[in-house]
Amino acid sequence: MRSKDEKARILIADDEFPIRDIISLGLTEEGYKCTVASDGSSVLRTLDGCEFNLALLDINMPGKIRYRSLKIQGTNSEDS
C-alpha cells in the first residue's frame, strides 16, 4: 500500500512514440512513476513483473494486448 504522499505507478502503452512520450512526460512532471510499453507483448512482460495503479492502453496497437491482457490481481478493502 502506498503512502498518501507517494504518487501512483502508471503503465502507458501505445505504439506511437509521440503519444507515449507526451503522456509520460506530463505525468512524470506531476510526480507519477511512469512505465512505457510500445506493443502488446511488452505490456504483458511489464505486467508480469510490476504492479500498477493505473494502465493507459491503446487497445488497437500491435501484439496480443486486447482486453484479455489485464486482470485484477486482488482488491485491498482499504482502497475500496
Foldseek 3Di string as FASTA:
>chain_A
DDDPPQAWEEEEEAQDVVVSVVVVVVVVVVPYHYDYYNEQVRLLVVVVVDDGPYYHYDQPGHDDHHPVSDDDPDDDPVVD
